[in-house]
Amino acid sequence: MFTLGRRRAALLLFLLATVGACATPHQQMAGPSSTTPHFSANSFIAADGEILPLRRWLPEAPPRAVILALHGFNDYSNAFEAPGQYWRSHGVATIAYDQRGFGATDNAGIWPQQKTLISDMRAALALLRAEYPGVPVYLLGESMGAAVLLSAAHQAELGADGVILAAPAVWARDTMDIFTRSALWLGAHLFPAMELTGRGLGVVASDNREMILGLRADPLVIKHTRIDAMWGLVNLMDSALRGSANLATPALVLYGAKDQLISAGPAAEMILQLAEDIPVALYENGWHMLLRDLQAETVLNDIVAWITDPSAELPSGAVAAGKVKYARQTDRAGSAE
């Protein structure tokens, strides 16, 4: 026979199960194909007609290389304003669009299907291939954007001339403790529309305070995150971690030693799965927003140098630092130090 305490516990579990049955993680769905993907002056129109705002940073002369850049979680294409200006001065064109669920897209704040994020990227890459025949086209992903690229690599080759991953988001479930995984599941399935701000966590994304203040003031940067969007991001990071072993060369991975969002453990787990000939650059003064930190020019210059000659050591020497930090076992039996 139940005691009063047990009855209360059973009732609580019943109520939670009932609520959970009614509230599930929500995601926006792509519509049926209705058009051929194409670029307009300021937009990327996807196969289902979805309009994704587009930004371009083009050198005055024909570019010697093109970068298709994917932004991070809660951010949007404007994340590449400073990097794009730097690269254009070195003859490299940068094109970025607001990924679904972010920036000025419809349904911003609602997580999109992972397969749609990937298909949008592949369509944009194909368009740039056609627009710049004979010019090498590179894929660059920052944080969540890098996770999209790794997830795509898990399915099939990316088809770019090279891939650059800046602070790839790989904080997958396999790298979380059971309490974090449980809290995420409960939140996403019981209260999916509840919004969190991240305030009070004490996490620093960059040492560039002026840039951070600009993000806080930007109405297109999402400040209140639905729990089911976080659930979707973790699903993406799960796939990204699995896709790490399928990333083909040439590729370059960039991490900051002071990154507080993707800690050393998940980063090392991902790096351990990479092919041995993929260089990993570690910036001792780098934070999560490597491309916008106070020392961003060092990273941006390294990227230009790598595009010029992927086999050469980066000017900063960051790959040598990465080899010391992330020692990889050739037989994949050991673990990263």
Protein backbone atom coordinates (compact mmCIF):
# COMPACT_ATOMS: atom_id res chain seq x y z
CA MET A 1 0.00 0.00 0.00
CA PHE A 2 1.32 3.49 -0.94
CA THR A 3 2.31 5.87 1.76
CA LEU A 4 1.14 9.49 1.39
CA GLY A 5 4.61 10.45 0.11
CA ARG A 6 4.56 7.75 -2.52
CA ARG A 7 1.10 8.76 -3.66
CA ARG A 8 2.23 12.34 -4.10
CA ALA A 9 5.28 11.21 -6.04
CA ALA A 10 3.14 8.98 -8.26
CA LEU A 11 0.68 11.84 -8.86
CA LEU A 12 3.55 14.17 -9.75
CA LEU A 13 4.95 11.66 -12.23
CA PHE A 14 1.49 11.22 -13.77
CA LEU A 15 1.05 14.97 -14.19
CA LEU A 16 4.50 15.32 -15.73
CA ALA A 17 3.79 12.50 -18.14
CA THR A 18 0.45 14.07 -19.08
CA VAL A 19 2.01 17.47 -19.73
CA GLY A 20 4.83 15.84 -21.63
CA ALA A 21 2.37 14.08 -23.90
CA CYS A 22 0.86 17.43 -24.89
CA ALA A 23 4.00 19.52 -25.20
CA THR A 24 6.76 18.37 -27.54
CA PRO A 25 9.76 20.17 -29.05
CA HIS A 26 8.59 22.38 -31.91
CA GLN A 27 10.47 22.97 -35.14
CA GLN A 28 9.67 24.82 -38.34
CA MET A 29 9.20 22.67 -41.39
CA ALA A 30 10.37 23.45 -44.91
CA GLY A 31 7.68 23.73 -47.54
CA PRO A 32 7.52 21.71 -50.76
CA SER A 33 9.93 22.64 -53.53
CA SER A 34 8.41 25.49 -55.49
CA THR A 35 11.34 27.22 -57.19
CA THR A 36 14.93 26.79 -58.27
CA PRO A 37 17.22 28.12 -55.52
CA HIS A 38 18.72 31.45 -56.51
CA PHE A 39 20.29 34.66 -55.25
CA SER A 40 18.71 38.07 -55.51
CA ALA A 41 20.51 41.30 -54.65
CA ASN A 42 19.97 40.88 -50.91
CA SER A 43 18.48 37.42 -50.47
CA PHE A 44 19.01 33.72 -50.96
CA ILE A 45 15.74 32.15 -52.08
CA ALA A 46 15.66 28.50 -51.10
CA ALA A 47 13.94 25.64 -52.94
CA ASP A 48 10.69 26.07 -51.00
CA GLY A 49 10.63 29.81 -51.65
CA GLU A 50 11.88 30.75 -48.18
CA ILE A 51 13.63 34.12 -48.32
CA LEU A 52 16.92 34.17 -46.39
CA PRO A 53 18.57 37.62 -46.10
CA LEU A 54 21.99 37.66 -47.78
CA ARG A 55 25.13 39.76 -47.32
CA ARG A 56 28.16 39.96 -49.59
CA TRP A 57 31.63 41.40 -49.05
CA LEU A 58 33.26 41.52 -52.47
CA PRO A 59 36.73 42.76 -53.46
CA GLU A 60 36.96 45.35 -56.22
CA ALA A 61 38.78 42.95 -58.54
CA PRO A 62 37.55 39.42 -59.33
CA PRO A 63 38.08 37.33 -56.17
CA ARG A 64 40.85 34.79 -55.92
CA ALA A 65 38.69 32.73 -53.56
CA VAL A 66 35.13 32.73 -52.21
CA ILE A 67 33.96 31.91 -48.67
CA LEU A 68 30.40 30.82 -47.92
CA ALA A 69 30.05 31.58 -44.21
CA LEU A 70 27.50 30.10 -41.79
CA HIS A 71 26.85 31.99 -38.56
CA GLY A 72 26.41 30.70 -35.03
CA PHE A 73 23.41 30.07 -32.76
CA ASN A 74 21.15 33.10 -32.13
CA ASP A 75 23.36 35.17 -34.44
CA TYR A 76 22.88 36.05 -38.12
CA SER A 77 24.84 36.90 -41.26
CA ASN A 78 26.02 40.25 -39.90
CA ALA A 79 28.42 38.21 -37.74
CA PHE A 80 30.79 38.31 -40.72
CA GLU A 81 30.84 42.08 -41.21
CA ALA A 82 34.35 42.59 -39.78
CA PRO A 83 35.80 39.29 -41.13
CA GLY A 84 34.23 39.94 -44.54
CA GLN A 85 35.75 43.41 -44.71
CA TYR A 86 39.17 42.00 -43.82
CA TRP A 87 39.02 39.19 -46.36
CA ARG A 88 37.79 41.46 -49.16
CA SER A 89 40.92 43.57 -48.67
CA HIS A 90 42.92 40.39 -49.36
CA GLY A 91 41.04 39.50 -52.54
CA VAL A 92 38.65 36.99 -50.94
CA ALA A 93 34.88 37.32 -51.34
CA THR A 94 32.59 36.43 -48.43
CA ILE A 95 28.91 35.55 -48.75
CA ALA A 96 26.67 34.83 -45.78
CA TYR A 97 22.92 34.39 -45.30
CA ASP A 98 20.64 34.30 -42.28
CA GLN A 99 19.98 30.64 -41.58
CA ARG A 100 16.38 29.66 -40.98
CA GLY A 101 15.19 30.50 -37.49
CA PHE A 102 17.65 33.36 -37.10
CA GLY A 103 18.20 37.00 -38.00
CA ALA A 104 15.55 38.56 -40.23
CA THR A 105 14.06 35.28 -41.45
CA ASP A 106 10.42 34.37 -40.89
CA ASN A 107 9.85 32.37 -37.72
CA ALA A 108 13.07 33.59 -36.11
CA GLY A 109 13.51 31.85 -32.78
CA ILE A 110 11.88 28.61 -33.93
CA TRP A 111 14.35 25.83 -34.58
CA PRO A 112 14.37 24.51 -38.19
CA GLN A 113 14.81 20.94 -39.30
CA GLN A 114 18.46 19.93 -39.42
CA LYS A 115 18.12 18.50 -42.91
CA THR A 116 16.79 21.85 -44.11
CA LEU A 117 19.79 23.75 -42.73
CA ILE A 118 22.03 21.34 -44.61
CA SER A 119 20.07 21.46 -47.87
CA ASP A 120 20.08 25.28 -47.78
CA MET A 121 23.86 25.24 -47.38
CA ARG A 122 24.35 22.80 -50.25
CA ALA A 123 22.09 24.85 -52.53
CA ALA A 124 23.95 28.09 -51.72
CA LEU A 125 27.28 26.36 -52.34
CA ALA A 126 26.08 25.12 -55.75
CA LEU A 127 24.98 28.64 -56.66
CA LEU A 128 28.39 30.07 -55.79
CA ARG A 129 30.10 27.34 -57.79
CA ALA A 130 28.08 28.41 -60.80
CA GLU A 131 28.56 32.13 -60.16
CA TYR A 132 32.35 31.86 -59.79
CA PRO A 133 33.53 29.18 -62.23
CA GLY A 134 37.18 28.29 -61.81
CA VAL A 135 37.43 30.11 -58.46
CA PRO A 136 37.93 27.99 -55.32
CA VAL A 137 34.94 28.11 -52.98
CA TYR A 138 35.37 27.43 -49.26
CA LEU A 139 32.84 26.65 -46.57
CA LEU A 140 33.33 28.36 -43.22
CA GLY A 141 31.20 27.72 -40.17
CA GLU A 142 31.30 29.51 -36.85
CA SER A 143 30.10 27.53 -33.81
CA MET A 144 26.61 26.26 -34.80
CA GLY A 145 27.47 26.98 -38.43
CA ALA A 146 30.44 24.63 -38.11
CA ALA A 147 28.12 22.01 -36.60
CA VAL A 148 25.93 22.27 -39.70
CA LEU A 149 28.96 21.56 -41.89
CA LEU A 150 30.09 18.61 -39.76
CA SER A 151 26.57 17.18 -39.79
CA ALA A 152 26.48 17.51 -43.56
CA ALA A 153 29.85 15.74 -43.76
CA HIS A 154 28.30 12.85 -41.83
CA GLN A 155 25.87 12.36 -44.75
CA ALA A 156 28.04 13.01 -47.82
CA GLU A 157 31.06 14.94 -49.01
CA LEU A 158 30.62 18.67 -48.81
CA GLY A 159 31.91 19.43 -52.29
CA ALA A 160 33.85 22.57 -51.40
CA ASP A 161 37.50 23.30 -52.11
CA GLY A 162 38.11 23.43 -48.37
CA VAL A 163 36.33 23.67 -45.02
CA ILE A 164 37.13 26.02 -42.13
CA LEU A 165 35.58 25.35 -38.73
CA ALA A 166 35.81 28.17 -36.19
CA ALA A 167 35.03 27.03 -32.63
CA PRO A 168 32.81 24.18 -33.87
CA ALA A 169 29.88 23.49 -31.54
CA VAL A 170 30.22 19.82 -30.54
CA TRP A 171 28.91 19.89 -26.96
CA ALA A 172 26.95 16.74 -27.74
CA ARG A 173 25.04 14.55 -25.32
CA ASP A 174 27.93 12.11 -25.14
CA THR A 175 30.01 14.88 -23.57
CA MET A 176 27.32 16.02 -21.07
CA ASP A 177 26.67 14.72 -17.59
CA ILE A 178 23.39 12.92 -16.89
CA PHE A 179 21.91 15.87 -15.01
CA THR A 180 22.37 18.23 -17.97
CA ARG A 181 20.94 15.70 -20.39
CA SER A 182 17.95 15.04 -18.14
CA ALA A 183 17.22 18.72 -17.56
CA LEU A 184 17.36 19.40 -21.30
CA TRP A 185 14.98 16.53 -22.08
CA LEU A 186 12.50 17.55 -19.41
CA GLY A 187 12.58 21.19 -20.43
CA ALA A 188 12.18 20.47 -24.16
CA HIS A 189 9.33 17.99 -23.65
CA LEU A 190 7.44 19.63 -20.79
CA PHE A 191 7.95 23.35 -21.37
CA PRO A 192 9.28 23.68 -24.96
CA ALA A 193 8.26 27.33 -25.36
CA MET A 194 9.91 28.46 -22.12
CA GLU A 195 12.63 31.01 -22.86
CA LEU A 196 16.03 31.32 -21.23
CA THR A 197 18.44 34.23 -21.42
CA GLY A 198 21.74 32.81 -20.18
CA ARG A 199 22.15 35.72 -17.79
CA GLY A 200 23.86 34.97 -14.55
CA LEU A 201 25.84 32.04 -15.94
CA GLY A 202 29.06 34.06 -16.00
CA VAL A 203 30.04 32.76 -19.44
CA VAL A 204 32.25 35.09 -21.48
CA ALA A 205 32.07 34.63 -25.26
CA SER A 206 34.75 37.15 -26.23
CA ASP A 207 37.18 39.70 -24.87
CA ASN A 208 35.86 42.22 -27.40
CA ARG A 209 33.49 44.10 -25.09
CA GLU A 210 32.50 46.68 -27.69
CA MET A 211 31.43 43.93 -30.07
CA ILE A 212 29.48 42.13 -27.31
CA LEU A 213 27.65 45.34 -26.41
CA GLY A 214 26.78 45.73 -30.08
CA LEU A 215 25.25 42.25 -30.13
CA ARG A 216 23.19 43.04 -27.04
CA ALA A 217 21.80 46.14 -28.74
CA ASP A 218 21.13 44.41 -32.08
CA PRO A 219 17.41 43.50 -32.35
CA LEU A 220 18.18 40.71 -34.83
CA VAL A 221 20.37 38.82 -32.35
CA ILE A 222 18.15 36.48 -30.34
CA LYS A 223 18.34 37.17 -26.59
CA HIS A 224 15.61 34.85 -25.30
CA THR A 225 16.05 31.24 -26.40
CA ARG A 226 13.28 28.67 -26.41
CA ILE A 227 14.22 25.44 -24.69
CA ASP A 228 13.17 23.40 -27.72
CA ALA A 229 15.58 25.47 -29.84
CA MET A 230 18.35 24.45 -27.45
CA TRP A 231 17.14 20.86 -27.83
CA GLY A 232 17.43 21.22 -31.60
CA LEU A 233 20.93 22.66 -31.27
CA VAL A 234 22.04 19.71 -29.14
CA ASN A 235 20.60 17.30 -31.69
CA LEU A 236 22.68 19.10 -34.31
CA MET A 237 25.79 18.89 -32.12
CA ASP A 238 25.20 15.15 -31.67
CA SER A 239 25.26 14.78 -35.44
CA ALA A 240 28.27 17.07 -35.75
CA LEU A 241 30.32 14.99 -33.35
CA ARG A 242 29.47 11.86 -35.32
CA GLY A 243 30.33 13.60 -38.56
CA SER A 244 33.81 14.63 -37.43
CA ALA A 245 35.35 11.38 -38.62
CA ASN A 246 33.94 11.96 -42.11
CA LEU A 247 35.37 15.45 -42.58
CA ALA A 248 37.53 15.35 -45.70
CA THR A 249 40.63 17.41 -46.40
CA PRO A 250 41.55 20.11 -47.00
CA ALA A 251 40.07 21.33 -43.75
CA LEU A 252 41.16 23.61 -40.94
CA VAL A 253 39.85 23.64 -37.37
CA LEU A 254 40.23 26.69 -35.13
CA TYR A 255 39.74 26.88 -31.36
CA GLY A 256 40.44 29.44 -28.65
CA ALA A 257 42.17 28.31 -25.47
CA LYS A 258 39.80 30.57 -23.48
CA ASP A 259 36.60 29.27 -25.07
CA GLN A 260 33.99 29.00 -22.29
CA LEU A 261 31.13 27.73 -24.45
CA ILE A 262 32.81 24.69 -26.00
CA SER A 263 35.12 23.39 -23.32
CA ALA A 264 38.31 21.41 -23.82
CA GLY A 265 36.60 18.05 -23.25
CA PRO A 266 34.07 18.16 -26.12
CA ALA A 267 36.64 19.83 -28.38
CA ALA A 268 39.18 17.09 -27.69
CA GLU A 269 36.56 14.40 -28.30
CA MET A 270 35.83 15.86 -31.73
CA ILE A 271 39.48 16.43 -32.60
CA LEU A 272 40.32 12.83 -31.71
CA GLN A 273 38.00 11.66 -34.49
CA LEU A 274 39.44 13.91 -37.20
CA ALA A 275 41.74 12.62 -39.89
CA GLU A 276 45.37 13.00 -38.84
CA ASP A 277 46.20 15.42 -41.64
CA ILE A 278 43.57 17.99 -40.62
CA PRO A 279 45.38 20.79 -38.76
CA VAL A 280 43.92 22.12 -35.52
CA ALA A 281 44.94 25.66 -34.63
CA LEU A 282 44.78 26.77 -31.01
CA TYR A 283 44.91 30.47 -30.11
CA GLU A 284 46.10 31.04 -26.57
CA ASN A 285 44.29 34.40 -26.38
CA GLY A 286 41.27 33.25 -28.34
CA TRP A 287 37.73 33.01 -27.00
CA HIS A 288 34.62 31.48 -28.55
CA MET A 289 34.11 34.31 -31.03
CA LEU A 290 37.53 33.84 -32.61
CA LEU A 291 36.69 35.83 -35.72
CA ARG A 292 35.62 38.86 -33.67
CA ASP A 293 37.90 38.75 -30.60
CA LEU A 294 40.43 41.48 -29.98
CA GLN A 295 43.04 39.25 -31.62
CA ALA A 296 40.75 38.39 -34.54
CA GLU A 297 43.12 39.78 -37.17
CA THR A 298 45.61 37.03 -36.30
CA VAL A 299 42.96 34.39 -37.01
CA LEU A 300 41.66 36.11 -40.13
CA ASN A 301 45.18 36.37 -41.52
CA ASP A 302 45.78 32.69 -40.78
CA ILE A 303 42.67 31.82 -42.80
CA VAL A 304 43.91 33.84 -45.77
CA ALA A 305 47.30 32.13 -45.50
CA TRP A 306 45.69 28.68 -45.32
CA ILE A 307 43.56 29.40 -48.39
CA THR A 308 46.74 30.43 -50.21
CA ASP A 309 48.67 27.31 -49.15
CA PRO A 310 46.91 24.67 -47.00
CA SER A 311 50.16 22.74 -46.54
CA ALA A 312 52.12 25.60 -44.96
CA GLU A 313 52.33 26.38 -41.24
CA LEU A 314 50.02 29.22 -40.27
CA PRO A 315 51.77 32.58 -39.75
CA SER A 316 50.65 32.66 -36.11
CA GLY A 317 52.11 29.24 -35.29
CA ALA A 318 48.73 28.24 -33.84
CA VAL A 319 48.82 24.76 -35.39
CA ALA A 320 51.97 23.98 -33.41
CA ALA A 321 50.13 25.04 -30.25
CA GLY A 322 47.21 22.82 -31.25
CA LYS A 323 49.48 19.81 -31.63
CA VAL A 324 50.70 20.27 -28.07
CA LYS A 325 47.20 20.74 -26.63
CA TYR A 326 45.37 18.10 -28.66
CA ALA A 327 47.74 15.17 -29.02
CA ARG A 328 46.01 12.57 -31.18
CA GLN A 329 46.73 8.86 -31.11
CA THR A 330 47.27 7.42 -34.57
CA ASP A 331 45.45 4.20 -33.69
CA ARG A 332 42.43 6.12 -32.25
CA ALA A 333 42.56 3.86 -29.20
CA GLY A 334 43.73 6.52 -26.81
CA SER A 335 42.19 9.81 -25.83
CA ALA A 336 43.22 13.41 -26.41
CA GLU A 337 45.33 14.94 -23.70
